[in-house]
Amino acid sequence: MSLTTEQILAAHKANIETLFGLTAKAFEGVEKLVELNLTASRAALNEAASHTQAVLSVKDVQELMALQAGLLQPMAEKTASYSRHLYDIATGTSSEFTKAAEAKASEVQKNISNLVEAAAKNAPAGSETAVAMMKSAVSAANNAFESVQKAVKQATDAAEANFNAVAASAADAAKTAAPRKR
């Protein structure tokens, strides 16, 4: 089975379109990350200015301690929120790359299966055993690939669940710690 010029050009065109699509998604992720960091930096600067003004207007130590204690919970919540946004950007961008890789892998699997079928049809008499072994090897490789995909999906889901649990625990800890300090 030989490839025609049109098939080669179509494959290259599809690969280039995939490359540019993924590059655009990567830049979207970077843009979101820059926007998140600019927003967080602006907010931190404004809060620092407000906090400095509040500290300068404090009249006694109790008021200063209450002011400081009041900063813990919002700071923890903002940190958790920032981490959540960062995680969402990273997972959103990586999911686009994963989808593209899975689509390409599926296409390659289909092409290999088609190649094996074409070879089987054109195989000389008496090569049935070799063809069956080839088909078996391709099937085993496909099954192994699907198993790896499932394992990666399960690991990703577990990591996301752990991240959510840690973020919720941190937010809860900050909420309970802030009132105790007052």
Protein backbone atom coordinates (compact mmCIF):
# COMPACT_ATOMS: atom_id res chain seq x y z
CA MET A 1 0.00 0.00 0.00
CA SER A 2 1.70 3.20 -1.15
CA LEU A 3 0.70 6.74 -0.37
CA THR A 4 -0.24 9.15 -3.10
CA THR A 5 1.03 12.71 -3.25
CA GLU A 6 -2.45 13.95 -2.38
CA GLN A 7 -2.57 11.77 0.74
CA ILE A 8 0.85 12.98 1.88
CA LEU A 9 -0.12 16.62 1.31
CA ALA A 10 -3.43 16.12 3.12
CA ALA A 11 -1.60 14.54 6.08
CA HIS A 12 0.88 17.42 6.23
CA LYS A 13 -1.92 19.96 5.97
CA ALA A 14 -3.80 18.27 8.82
CA ASN A 15 -0.63 18.18 10.95
CA ILE A 16 0.06 21.86 10.33
CA GLU A 17 -3.54 22.77 11.19
CA THR A 18 -3.23 20.77 14.41
CA LEU A 19 0.07 22.47 15.23
CA PHE A 20 -1.35 25.95 14.72
CA GLY A 21 -4.50 25.08 16.64
CA LEU A 22 -2.47 23.83 19.59
CA THR A 23 -0.18 26.85 19.41
CA ALA A 24 -3.23 29.12 19.57
CA LYS A 25 -4.52 27.19 22.60
CA ALA A 26 -1.13 27.48 24.29
CA PHE A 27 -1.12 31.24 23.73
CA GLU A 28 -4.68 31.47 25.09
CA GLY A 29 -3.47 29.71 28.23
CA VAL A 30 -0.53 32.09 28.57
CA GLU A 31 -2.83 35.08 28.06
CA LYS A 32 -5.16 33.81 30.78
CA LEU A 33 -2.20 33.26 33.10
CA VAL A 34 -0.85 36.77 32.47
CA GLU A 35 -4.33 38.25 33.01
CA LEU A 36 -4.71 36.30 36.26
CA ASN A 37 -1.32 37.45 37.51
CA LEU A 38 -1.97 41.08 36.57
CA THR A 39 -5.33 41.01 38.33
CA ALA A 40 -3.81 39.38 41.42
CA SER A 41 -0.90 41.86 41.46
CA ARG A 42 -3.23 44.84 41.11
CA ALA A 43 -5.43 43.56 43.91
CA ALA A 44 -2.42 42.86 46.15
CA LEU A 45 -1.04 46.35 45.56
CA ASN A 46 -4.39 47.97 46.33
CA GLU A 47 -4.80 45.85 49.46
CA ALA A 48 -1.27 46.68 50.61
CA ALA A 49 -2.01 50.38 50.22
CA SER A 50 -5.30 50.04 52.11
CA HIS A 51 -3.69 47.96 54.84
CA THR A 52 -0.85 50.46 55.24
CA GLN A 53 -3.38 53.28 55.63
CA ALA A 54 -5.30 51.23 58.18
CA VAL A 55 -2.13 50.42 60.15
CA LEU A 56 -1.12 54.09 60.18
CA SER A 57 -4.52 55.03 61.65
CA VAL A 58 -4.40 52.43 64.47
CA LYS A 59 -4.67 53.95 67.95
CA ASP A 60 -3.63 51.02 70.19
CA VAL A 61 -2.15 47.50 70.20
CA GLN A 62 -5.55 45.74 70.44
CA GLU A 63 -6.77 47.51 67.34
CA LEU A 64 -3.56 46.56 65.52
CA MET A 65 -3.92 42.90 66.57
CA ALA A 66 -7.56 42.83 65.44
CA LEU A 67 -6.57 44.40 62.12
CA GLN A 68 -3.82 41.82 61.58
CA ALA A 69 -6.08 38.91 62.56
CA GLY A 70 -8.74 40.14 60.16
CA LEU A 71 -6.31 39.78 57.26
CA LEU A 72 -5.72 36.03 57.63
CA GLN A 73 -9.04 34.68 56.35
CA PRO A 74 -9.31 36.94 53.27
CA MET A 75 -5.67 36.24 52.42
CA ALA A 76 -6.19 32.47 52.63
CA GLU A 77 -9.39 32.69 50.58
CA LYS A 78 -7.65 34.78 47.91
CA THR A 79 -4.73 32.37 47.79
CA ALA A 80 -7.12 29.44 47.40
CA SER A 81 -9.02 31.30 44.69
CA TYR A 82 -5.80 32.15 42.84
CA SER A 83 -4.70 28.51 43.04
CA ARG A 84 -8.07 27.36 41.73
CA HIS A 85 -7.89 29.77 38.77
CA LEU A 86 -4.33 28.70 38.04
CA TYR A 87 -5.36 25.04 38.16
CA ASP A 88 -8.34 25.70 35.87
CA ILE A 89 -6.12 27.44 33.31
CA ALA A 90 -3.58 24.61 33.38
CA THR A 91 -6.16 21.82 33.12
CA GLY A 92 -8.11 23.64 30.40
CA THR A 93 -5.01 24.11 28.29
CA SER A 94 -3.72 20.59 28.87
CA SER A 95 -7.11 19.08 28.03
CA GLU A 96 -6.89 20.64 24.56
CA PHE A 97 -3.49 19.02 24.06
CA THR A 98 -4.83 15.71 25.38
CA LYS A 99 -7.79 15.81 22.99
CA ALA A 100 -5.48 16.45 20.05
CA ALA A 101 -3.11 13.66 21.09
CA GLU A 102 -5.99 11.21 21.54
CA ALA A 103 -7.41 12.13 18.14
CA LYS A 104 -4.03 11.62 16.48
CA ALA A 105 -3.49 8.34 18.33
CA SER A 106 -6.91 7.12 17.24
CA GLU A 107 -6.13 8.08 13.66
CA VAL A 108 -2.79 6.24 13.80
CA GLN A 109 -4.49 3.15 15.27
CA LYS A 110 -7.05 3.21 12.46
CA ASN A 111 -4.35 3.61 9.83
CA ILE A 112 -2.32 0.74 11.26
CA SER A 113 -5.41 -1.47 11.36
CA ASN A 114 -6.17 -0.56 7.73
CA LEU A 115 -2.57 -1.30 6.79
CA VAL A 116 -2.70 -4.71 8.50
CA GLU A 117 -6.01 -5.51 6.76
CA ALA A 118 -4.58 -4.50 3.38
CA ALA A 119 -1.47 -6.58 4.03
CA ALA A 120 -3.65 -9.52 5.05
CA LYS A 121 -5.67 -9.32 1.82
CA ASN A 122 -2.52 -9.19 -0.28
CA ALA A 123 -0.59 -11.78 1.72
CA PRO A 124 0.52 -14.89 -0.13
CA ALA A 125 -1.10 -18.20 0.61
CA GLY A 126 0.27 -19.94 3.70
CA SER A 127 0.98 -16.71 5.61
CA GLU A 128 -2.22 -16.88 7.64
CA THR A 129 -0.29 -17.52 10.86
CA ALA A 130 1.94 -14.47 10.34
CA VAL A 131 -1.10 -12.31 9.51
CA ALA A 132 -2.93 -13.56 12.61
CA MET A 133 0.13 -12.75 14.75
CA MET A 134 0.31 -9.27 13.23
CA LYS A 135 -3.39 -8.68 13.92
CA SER A 136 -2.95 -9.98 17.45
CA ALA A 137 0.02 -7.67 18.06
CA VAL A 138 -1.90 -4.64 16.76
CA SER A 139 -4.89 -5.56 18.92
CA ALA A 140 -2.67 -5.98 21.99
CA ALA A 141 -1.02 -2.62 21.34
CA ASN A 142 -4.43 -0.95 20.99
CA ASN A 143 -5.62 -2.54 24.23
CA ALA A 144 -2.46 -1.45 26.05
CA PHE A 145 -2.87 2.09 24.76
CA GLU A 146 -6.49 2.20 25.89
CA SER A 147 -5.47 0.89 29.32
CA VAL A 148 -2.85 3.63 29.64
CA GLN A 149 -5.42 6.25 28.61
CA LYS A 150 -7.85 4.98 31.26
CA ALA A 151 -5.11 4.96 33.92
CA VAL A 152 -4.09 8.53 33.05
CA LYS A 153 -7.73 9.64 33.20
CA GLN A 154 -8.18 8.00 36.61
CA ALA A 155 -4.97 9.58 37.90
CA THR A 156 -6.06 12.98 36.62
CA ASP A 157 -9.46 12.63 38.25
CA ALA A 158 -7.84 11.57 41.54
CA ALA A 159 -5.41 14.51 41.41
CA GLU A 160 -8.27 16.93 40.78
CA ALA A 161 -10.28 15.46 43.66
CA ASN A 162 -7.24 15.75 45.94
CA PHE A 163 -6.63 19.35 44.84
CA ASN A 164 -10.26 20.23 45.55
CA ALA A 165 -10.09 18.56 48.97
CA VAL A 166 -6.87 20.39 49.89
CA ALA A 167 -8.27 23.72 48.70
CA ALA A 168 -11.47 23.19 50.71
CA SER A 169 -9.48 22.16 53.79
CA ALA A 170 -7.25 25.22 53.51
CA ALA A 171 -10.23 27.53 53.17
CA ASP A 172 -11.98 25.89 56.13
CA ALA A 173 -8.80 26.07 58.23
CA ALA A 174 -8.44 29.77 57.44
CA LYS A 175 -12.06 30.42 58.37
CA THR A 176 -11.72 28.67 61.72
CA ALA A 177 -8.28 30.15 62.47
CA ALA A 178 -9.30 33.76 61.83
CA PRO A 179 -12.00 33.96 64.54
CA ARG A 180 -9.73 32.31 67.14
CA LYS A 181 -7.08 35.01 66.71
CA ARG A 182 -9.49 37.85 67.39
